[in-house]
Amino acid sequence: MPPPATQLDAFIVGGGIAGLLTLDALHRRGCRVWLLERNALGSGQTIWSQGIIHGGLKYALGGEAGEAARAVSNMPARWSAMLNGQSDPNLSAVHMRANACAVWATSGMRSIAGLLGAQFTLRTKPTPWPVDSLPEALAGVRTKILQIAEPVLEPMSLLSVLGSMHHNRVLLGDISSITPTDECINVELTGGLRIRAGKLILTAGAGNASLRSMADLPADREQTRPLQMILARGPLPVLNGHCIRSTQPWLTITTVAGDSETRVWQIGGQVAERGAEMTSAATIQAAVQNVRAAMPNLSLEGTEWSTYLAPRSEYATGQGGRPDRHGLIEDDRIITAWPTKLALAPLLADDIAHRISANSGSLEVPADMARPTTATPPWQEDRVWTPVHSAAPA
């Protein structure tokens, strides 16, 4: 006879930031809840991210605080409270890259006007960067350098802290079947473990579509927007911030912790979005040119460059554009969710938690079951690195 099913209030599939924060929220509400991860915690969008807790700057550059800007406007303060240990979950052990981002514009009038417009519309407004502590990388920049209270965290550290916090509620495995009934959702894992859950929560990013198909739900509620991120490593100064061109973040740069000889920059923004349609070599060449233009006094001697594809899986908007908020679909007992951005994950967790009642109390995953490790960040993977001289324009 098959083993009896484990009874849960909720079963979460997908161990990125959305799944882990939802697990935390439900556990604190007294729910009997487990999380299943197929690979490693955060593999995919969370570990690919730059760790910036956006406060709406990139959405307000046109001078109007639209829906997207309003959605994230309170998120830096909420994340800061968690990162300072002042609210749950206590994330004070998470390693930080920076407590604020630098913001500067190219010399074009539209860029400067866009940045000034954002200052009038944002709830958390950019302020002048103190002249006695300007980032080394921005020496020689002729436009005003501002700072905005957008914390920057280390995604791998965030995943590790949350994974350790909920070690006894997380398991490694894969799903072989999903069978909805009027009373519950029956889930069977490869290996024979059976789950009987009041709610099934899908937070698996790009994996949501196949899971929905397994449950006989439409798989077309998800969209993918491509992105090719750039990495630079070498004797680079610490920099976390945005260079604005026209009304768009032209370059968004964050610095991985390390000594002065081995620092790594993650580079996103327009150059990464356009790179989605280019080869890696062409994307690197464009990134080198853009960095030189944005920071004219910065030496790139001794640096190496690489790229990685980081497609963004999101709730489908119908037009293919970026969603303004997190996405959530509730199909009876199955909830499918996408956070849209790292910053919005706590709001998504709240939204899900308010839909689920606690009936059973806490239950730990048996100690003999496998647990997922934390995902490896892109710069620690085996990859081809290009010296800057071969990527520079002729």
Protein backbone atom coordinates (compact mmCIF):
# COMPACT_ATOMS: atom_id res chain seq x y z
CA MET A 1 0.00 0.00 0.00
CA PRO A 2 1.23 3.58 -0.67
CA PRO A 3 2.39 5.54 2.40
CA PRO A 4 -0.22 7.87 3.92
CA ALA A 5 -0.22 11.42 2.60
CA THR A 6 1.27 14.22 4.69
CA GLN A 7 -1.41 16.74 5.61
CA LEU A 8 -0.49 20.40 5.09
CA ASP A 9 -2.34 23.70 5.06
CA ALA A 10 -0.17 24.82 2.14
CA PHE A 11 2.55 23.36 -0.07
CA ILE A 12 4.87 25.79 -1.87
CA VAL A 13 6.74 24.81 -5.02
CA GLY A 14 9.71 27.05 -5.87
CA GLY A 15 12.46 28.18 -3.52
CA GLY A 16 13.31 31.66 -4.80
CA ILE A 17 12.69 34.82 -2.80
CA ALA A 18 8.92 34.67 -3.45
CA GLY A 19 8.61 31.11 -2.16
CA LEU A 20 10.87 31.64 0.86
CA LEU A 21 9.14 34.83 2.03
CA THR A 22 5.74 33.17 1.52
CA LEU A 23 6.94 30.19 3.57
CA ASP A 24 8.05 32.57 6.31
CA ALA A 25 4.77 34.50 6.30
CA LEU A 26 2.63 31.35 6.46
CA HIS A 27 4.74 29.75 9.18
CA ARG A 28 4.44 32.89 11.33
CA ARG A 29 0.65 32.74 10.84
CA GLY A 30 0.66 29.24 12.33
CA CYS A 31 0.22 27.28 9.11
CA ARG A 32 1.49 23.76 8.55
CA VAL A 33 3.52 24.53 5.44
CA TRP A 34 6.44 23.04 3.49
CA LEU A 35 8.42 24.28 0.51
CA LEU A 36 9.74 22.10 -2.32
CA GLU A 37 12.73 23.14 -4.47
CA ARG A 38 13.84 21.08 -7.47
CA ASN A 39 17.37 22.48 -7.85
CA ALA A 40 18.93 24.96 -5.40
CA LEU A 41 17.35 27.77 -3.40
CA GLY A 42 17.15 30.87 -5.57
CA SER A 43 18.34 29.22 -8.78
CA GLY A 44 17.18 31.42 -11.64
CA GLN A 45 15.87 34.92 -11.14
CA THR A 46 16.74 35.46 -7.47
CA ILE A 47 20.41 34.51 -7.71
CA TRP A 48 20.70 36.39 -11.05
CA SER A 49 19.41 39.63 -9.52
CA GLN A 50 21.55 42.60 -8.52
CA GLY A 51 20.04 42.79 -5.04
CA ILE A 52 18.69 46.35 -5.37
CA ILE A 53 15.56 47.15 -3.37
CA HIS A 54 14.06 49.60 -5.85
CA GLY A 55 12.04 52.52 -4.54
CA GLY A 56 10.59 53.65 -7.86
CA LEU A 57 13.42 55.73 -9.34
CA LYS A 58 13.59 53.84 -12.64
CA TYR A 59 9.83 54.24 -13.08
CA ALA A 60 9.65 57.96 -12.20
CA LEU A 61 12.32 59.35 -14.52
CA GLY A 62 9.72 60.73 -16.88
CA GLY A 63 8.44 63.02 -14.14
CA GLU A 64 5.25 61.11 -13.32
CA ALA A 65 4.93 58.62 -10.47
CA GLY A 66 2.90 55.94 -12.24
CA GLU A 67 1.46 52.68 -10.96
CA ALA A 68 4.84 50.89 -10.93
CA ALA A 69 6.53 53.67 -8.96
CA ARG A 70 3.71 53.73 -6.39
CA ALA A 71 3.85 49.94 -6.00
CA VAL A 72 7.50 49.93 -4.88
CA SER A 73 7.63 53.32 -3.14
CA ASN A 74 7.42 51.89 0.39
CA MET A 75 9.59 48.84 -0.23
CA PRO A 76 13.03 50.27 0.70
CA ALA A 77 11.70 51.22 4.15
CA ARG A 78 10.07 47.83 4.64
CA TRP A 79 13.18 45.92 3.56
CA SER A 80 15.39 48.17 5.71
CA ALA A 81 13.31 47.30 8.76
CA MET A 82 13.80 43.58 8.06
CA LEU A 83 17.51 44.01 7.30
CA ASN A 84 17.97 45.96 10.54
CA GLY A 85 16.17 43.30 12.56
CA GLN A 86 13.29 45.62 13.41
CA SER A 87 10.54 43.54 11.77
CA ASP A 88 9.88 39.96 10.70
CA PRO A 89 11.53 38.13 9.18
CA ASN A 90 14.72 39.23 10.90
CA LEU A 91 17.26 39.54 8.06
CA SER A 92 19.96 41.32 10.04
CA ALA A 93 22.45 38.53 9.17
CA VAL A 94 22.17 39.25 5.42
CA HIS A 95 25.33 40.75 3.92
CA MET A 96 24.81 44.18 2.39
CA ARG A 97 26.47 45.65 -0.69
CA ALA A 98 25.33 49.19 0.09
CA ASN A 99 22.72 51.11 2.08
CA ALA A 100 22.07 53.54 -0.79
CA CYS A 101 22.62 53.85 -4.54
CA ALA A 102 24.44 56.60 -6.40
CA VAL A 103 22.54 58.31 -9.20
CA TRP A 104 24.03 60.44 -11.95
CA ALA A 105 22.99 61.49 -15.43
CA THR A 106 24.77 61.79 -18.72
CA SER A 107 25.26 65.36 -19.90
CA GLY A 108 22.22 65.41 -22.19
CA MET A 109 19.41 67.77 -21.24
CA ARG A 110 16.79 65.00 -21.36
CA SER A 111 18.81 62.92 -18.91
CA ILE A 112 19.15 65.80 -16.47
CA ALA A 113 15.49 66.75 -16.88
CA GLY A 114 14.42 63.15 -16.26
CA LEU A 115 16.45 62.97 -13.08
CA LEU A 116 15.06 66.30 -11.86
CA GLY A 117 11.53 65.08 -12.61
CA ALA A 118 12.11 61.98 -10.52
CA GLN A 119 13.19 64.15 -7.58
CA PHE A 120 9.76 65.80 -7.55
CA THR A 121 7.67 62.63 -7.89
CA LEU A 122 9.39 60.02 -5.71
CA ARG A 123 8.39 59.45 -2.10
CA THR A 124 12.03 58.71 -1.23
CA LYS A 125 13.80 61.54 -3.00
CA PRO A 126 17.43 61.54 -4.18
CA THR A 127 19.69 63.86 -2.19
CA PRO A 128 23.16 65.26 -3.03
CA TRP A 129 26.00 62.81 -2.38
CA PRO A 130 28.42 64.28 0.20
CA VAL A 131 31.36 65.72 -1.73
CA ASP A 132 33.91 64.32 0.74
CA SER A 133 32.89 60.71 0.08
CA LEU A 134 32.10 60.53 -3.65
CA PRO A 135 32.51 57.04 -5.14
CA GLU A 136 35.96 56.64 -6.68
CA ALA A 137 34.48 55.39 -9.95
CA LEU A 138 32.62 58.68 -10.46
CA ALA A 139 35.66 60.96 -10.35
CA GLY A 140 35.47 63.23 -13.39
CA VAL A 141 31.69 62.97 -13.79
CA ARG A 142 30.55 66.51 -14.56
CA THR A 143 26.88 66.23 -13.67
CA LYS A 144 25.48 66.27 -10.13
CA ILE A 145 25.88 63.00 -8.22
CA LEU A 146 22.94 62.08 -6.00
CA GLN A 147 22.17 59.25 -3.63
CA ILE A 148 18.87 57.47 -3.12
CA ALA A 149 17.90 55.24 -0.21
CA GLU A 150 17.71 51.99 -2.19
CA PRO A 151 19.50 49.27 -0.16
CA VAL A 152 21.58 46.75 -2.09
CA LEU A 153 21.92 43.26 -0.59
CA GLU A 154 23.81 40.09 -1.50
CA PRO A 155 21.19 37.72 -3.01
CA MET A 156 23.18 34.57 -2.09
CA SER A 157 23.38 35.71 1.53
CA LEU A 158 19.65 36.50 1.58
CA LEU A 159 18.84 33.00 0.30
CA SER A 160 21.21 31.39 2.78
CA VAL A 161 19.72 33.26 5.75
CA LEU A 162 16.12 32.44 4.84
CA GLY A 163 17.03 28.85 3.96
CA SER A 164 18.71 28.34 7.34
CA MET A 165 15.78 29.98 9.13
CA HIS A 166 13.37 27.47 7.60
CA HIS A 167 15.67 24.47 7.16
CA ASN A 168 13.13 22.14 8.77
CA ARG A 169 10.35 23.19 6.39
CA VAL A 170 12.24 22.93 3.08
CA LEU A 171 12.90 19.80 1.01
CA LEU A 172 14.61 18.89 -2.25
CA GLY A 173 12.64 17.01 -4.87
CA ASP A 174 10.47 17.03 -7.97
CA ILE A 175 6.75 16.61 -8.62
CA SER A 176 5.39 13.66 -10.58
CA SER A 177 1.67 14.50 -10.38
CA ILE A 178 -0.80 17.14 -9.22
CA THR A 179 -4.43 16.09 -8.68
CA PRO A 180 -6.92 18.76 -7.59
CA THR A 181 -10.07 17.67 -5.74
CA ASP A 182 -12.90 19.57 -4.10
CA GLU A 183 -11.37 19.00 -0.65
CA CYS A 184 -7.64 19.40 -1.29
CA ILE A 185 -4.73 19.24 -3.73
CA ASN A 186 -2.98 15.87 -3.92
CA VAL A 187 0.68 16.14 -4.90
CA GLU A 188 2.98 13.18 -5.46
CA LEU A 189 6.74 13.61 -5.54
CA THR A 190 9.26 11.55 -7.44
CA GLY A 191 10.19 8.83 -4.98
CA GLY A 192 6.66 8.34 -3.70
CA LEU A 193 6.15 11.02 -1.04
CA ARG A 194 2.51 12.12 -1.09
CA ILE A 195 1.22 15.53 0.03
CA ARG A 196 -2.39 16.42 0.77
CA ALA A 197 -2.57 20.23 0.92
CA GLY A 198 -5.34 22.75 1.41
CA LYS A 199 -3.56 25.08 -1.03
CA LEU A 200 -0.83 24.54 -3.60
CA ILE A 201 1.31 27.65 -4.15
CA LEU A 202 3.41 27.86 -7.30
CA THR A 203 6.32 30.31 -7.03
CA ALA A 204 8.68 28.50 -9.41
CA GLY A 205 9.22 31.35 -11.89
CA ALA A 206 9.85 29.83 -15.31
CA GLY A 207 8.70 26.48 -13.91
CA ASN A 208 5.18 27.72 -13.17
CA ALA A 209 3.95 27.04 -16.71
CA SER A 210 4.78 23.32 -16.67
CA LEU A 211 3.37 22.93 -13.17
CA ARG A 212 0.12 24.57 -14.25
CA SER A 213 -0.06 22.23 -17.23
CA MET A 214 0.41 19.28 -14.88
CA ALA A 215 -2.65 20.50 -12.96
CA ASP A 216 -4.65 20.96 -16.21
CA LEU A 217 -4.53 24.76 -15.91
CA PRO A 218 -3.77 27.14 -18.82
CA ALA A 219 -0.01 27.66 -19.16
CA ASP A 220 -0.30 30.94 -21.11
CA ARG A 221 -0.68 33.19 -18.06
CA GLU A 222 3.10 33.71 -17.93
CA GLN A 223 5.40 35.83 -20.08
CA THR A 224 9.17 35.90 -20.46
CA ARG A 225 11.19 39.07 -21.09
CA PRO A 226 14.80 38.39 -22.11
CA LEU A 227 17.85 40.00 -20.53
CA GLN A 228 21.60 39.53 -20.96
CA MET A 229 23.44 40.76 -17.89
CA ILE A 230 27.11 41.77 -17.98
CA LEU A 231 29.85 40.90 -15.51
CA ALA A 232 33.17 42.70 -15.10
CA ARG A 233 35.90 41.55 -12.72
CA GLY A 234 39.28 42.95 -11.78
CA PRO A 235 40.72 45.92 -9.81
CA LEU A 236 37.43 47.81 -9.85
CA PRO A 237 36.27 50.35 -7.24
CA VAL A 238 33.11 49.83 -5.24
CA LEU A 239 30.08 51.25 -7.03
CA ASN A 240 26.36 50.67 -6.56
CA GLY A 241 24.09 52.91 -8.57
CA HIS A 242 22.38 54.07 -11.73
CA CYS A 243 23.60 56.18 -14.64
CA ILE A 244 20.62 57.84 -16.30
CA ARG A 245 20.38 58.59 -20.01
CA SER A 246 17.24 60.28 -21.32
CA THR A 247 14.49 58.87 -19.09
CA GLN A 248 15.92 55.36 -18.63
CA PRO A 249 18.51 53.70 -16.38
CA TRP A 250 21.29 53.39 -18.97
CA LEU A 251 23.63 51.48 -16.66
CA THR A 252 22.79 49.90 -13.30
CA ILE A 253 25.94 48.68 -11.58
CA THR A 254 26.31 46.75 -8.33
CA THR A 255 29.52 45.49 -6.73
CA VAL A 256 30.02 42.02 -5.30
CA ALA A 257 31.90 41.97 -2.03
CA GLY A 258 35.61 41.23 -2.43
CA ASP A 259 39.06 42.72 -2.13
CA SER A 260 40.36 45.44 -4.46
CA GLU A 261 41.94 42.92 -6.86
CA THR A 262 38.97 40.63 -7.35
CA ARG A 263 35.84 42.78 -7.25
CA VAL A 264 33.00 41.89 -9.59
CA TRP A 265 30.52 44.31 -11.11
CA GLN A 266 27.06 43.21 -12.23
CA ILE A 267 25.83 45.54 -14.96
CA GLY A 268 22.19 45.85 -15.97
CA GLY A 269 19.95 48.58 -17.38
CA GLN A 270 19.36 49.41 -21.01
CA VAL A 271 22.62 47.81 -22.11
CA ALA A 272 21.45 44.45 -20.69
CA GLU A 273 17.98 44.74 -22.23
CA ARG A 274 19.42 45.49 -25.64
CA GLY A 275 21.98 42.75 -25.14
CA ALA A 276 19.17 40.19 -25.12
CA GLU A 277 19.11 40.50 -28.93
CA MET A 278 22.90 40.57 -29.35
CA THR A 279 25.77 38.11 -29.05
CA SER A 280 27.76 37.98 -25.86
CA ALA A 281 30.77 39.59 -27.59
CA ALA A 282 28.67 42.46 -28.96
CA THR A 283 27.01 42.98 -25.57
CA ILE A 284 30.41 43.15 -23.86
CA GLN A 285 31.68 45.64 -26.43
CA ALA A 286 28.63 47.86 -25.92
CA ALA A 287 28.97 47.62 -22.14
CA VAL A 288 32.66 48.62 -22.22
CA GLN A 289 31.87 51.61 -24.43
CA ASN A 290 29.00 52.69 -22.18
CA VAL A 291 31.01 52.35 -18.98
CA ARG A 292 33.81 54.45 -20.48
CA ALA A 293 31.32 57.12 -21.53
CA ALA A 294 29.54 57.17 -18.15
CA MET A 295 32.76 57.22 -16.08
CA PRO A 296 35.43 58.96 -18.19
CA ASN A 297 38.20 58.80 -15.58
CA LEU A 298 37.72 55.13 -14.70
CA SER A 299 40.54 52.79 -15.74
CA LEU A 300 39.43 49.38 -17.03
CA GLU A 301 42.99 48.07 -17.24
CA GLY A 302 43.20 44.49 -16.01
CA THR A 303 39.47 43.82 -16.15
CA GLU A 304 37.76 40.81 -17.72
CA TRP A 305 34.18 40.62 -18.95
CA SER A 306 31.46 38.03 -19.37
CA THR A 307 27.68 37.83 -19.76
CA TYR A 308 24.83 35.63 -18.60
CA LEU A 309 21.27 35.25 -19.79
CA ALA A 310 18.72 36.16 -17.11
CA PRO A 311 15.22 35.94 -18.63
CA ARG A 312 12.48 37.36 -16.42
CA SER A 313 9.38 35.19 -15.92
CA GLU A 314 6.35 37.29 -15.02
CA TYR A 315 2.58 37.43 -14.99
CA ALA A 316 1.48 37.98 -18.59
CA THR A 317 0.34 41.55 -19.23
CA GLY A 318 -1.10 40.79 -22.67
CA GLN A 319 1.14 43.32 -24.41
CA GLY A 320 4.45 41.83 -23.30
CA GLY A 321 5.45 44.89 -21.27
CA ARG A 322 6.73 44.89 -17.70
CA PRO A 323 3.98 44.31 -15.10
CA ASP A 324 3.44 47.21 -12.70
CA ARG A 325 2.95 44.97 -9.67
CA HIS A 326 3.42 41.41 -8.52
CA GLY A 327 1.22 38.87 -10.30
CA LEU A 328 -1.14 36.36 -8.67
CA ILE A 329 -3.71 33.95 -10.10
CA GLU A 330 -5.99 31.89 -7.85
CA ASP A 331 -7.59 28.82 -9.44
CA ASP A 332 -9.65 27.32 -6.61
CA ARG A 333 -6.98 25.66 -4.45
CA ILE A 334 -3.99 26.50 -6.65
CA ILE A 335 -2.25 29.89 -6.39
CA THR A 336 0.30 30.85 -9.05
CA ALA A 337 2.48 33.84 -8.24
CA TRP A 338 5.28 35.97 -9.69
CA PRO A 339 6.98 38.75 -7.64
CA THR A 340 8.00 40.81 -10.75
CA LYS A 341 10.90 42.32 -8.78
CA LEU A 342 12.91 41.32 -5.72
CA ALA A 343 11.64 44.45 -3.94
CA LEU A 344 7.99 43.39 -4.31
CA ALA A 345 8.38 39.86 -2.87
CA PRO A 346 7.16 40.83 0.66
CA LEU A 347 3.93 42.26 -0.82
CA LEU A 348 3.39 39.05 -2.77
CA ALA A 349 3.94 36.98 0.38
CA ASP A 350 1.37 39.13 2.23
CA ASP A 351 -1.14 38.71 -0.59
CA ILE A 352 -0.80 34.93 -0.51
CA ALA A 353 -0.77 34.61 3.29
CA HIS A 354 -4.04 36.53 3.65
CA ARG A 355 -5.75 33.91 1.47
CA ILE A 356 -4.82 30.90 3.61
CA SER A 357 -6.12 29.84 7.01
CA ALA A 358 -4.06 27.96 9.59
CA ASN A 359 -5.71 24.68 10.60
CA SER A 360 -3.01 22.19 11.50
CA GLY A 361 -0.12 23.83 13.32
CA SER A 362 3.60 23.44 12.59
CA LEU A 363 5.13 20.31 11.06
CA GLU A 364 8.79 19.70 10.25
CA VAL A 365 10.16 17.86 7.24
CA PRO A 366 11.61 14.49 8.41
CA ALA A 367 15.33 14.76 9.12
CA ASP A 368 16.25 12.01 6.63
CA MET A 369 14.83 13.91 3.63
CA ALA A 370 17.20 15.81 1.32
CA ARG A 371 17.43 19.59 1.62
CA PRO A 372 18.38 21.98 -1.22
CA THR A 373 21.61 23.94 -1.11
CA THR A 374 21.84 27.65 -1.98
CA ALA A 375 22.29 28.51 -5.66
CA THR A 376 25.69 29.55 -6.98
CA PRO A 377 25.91 33.14 -8.32
CA PRO A 378 26.82 33.60 -11.99
CA TRP A 379 30.35 34.91 -11.39
CA GLN A 380 31.26 31.74 -9.44
CA GLU A 381 30.22 29.44 -12.27
CA ASP A 382 32.57 28.17 -14.97
CA ARG A 383 32.40 30.75 -17.78
CA VAL A 384 34.44 32.44 -20.48
CA TRP A 385 35.96 35.79 -19.46
CA THR A 386 37.08 38.29 -22.12
CA PRO A 387 39.99 40.70 -21.44
CA VAL A 388 38.91 44.30 -21.95
CA HIS A 389 41.39 45.02 -24.76
CA SER A 390 39.69 42.48 -27.04
CA ALA A 391 36.25 43.88 -26.26
CA ALA A 392 37.18 47.54 -26.76
CA PRO A 393 36.23 49.33 -29.97
CA ALA A 394 38.93 49.65 -32.65
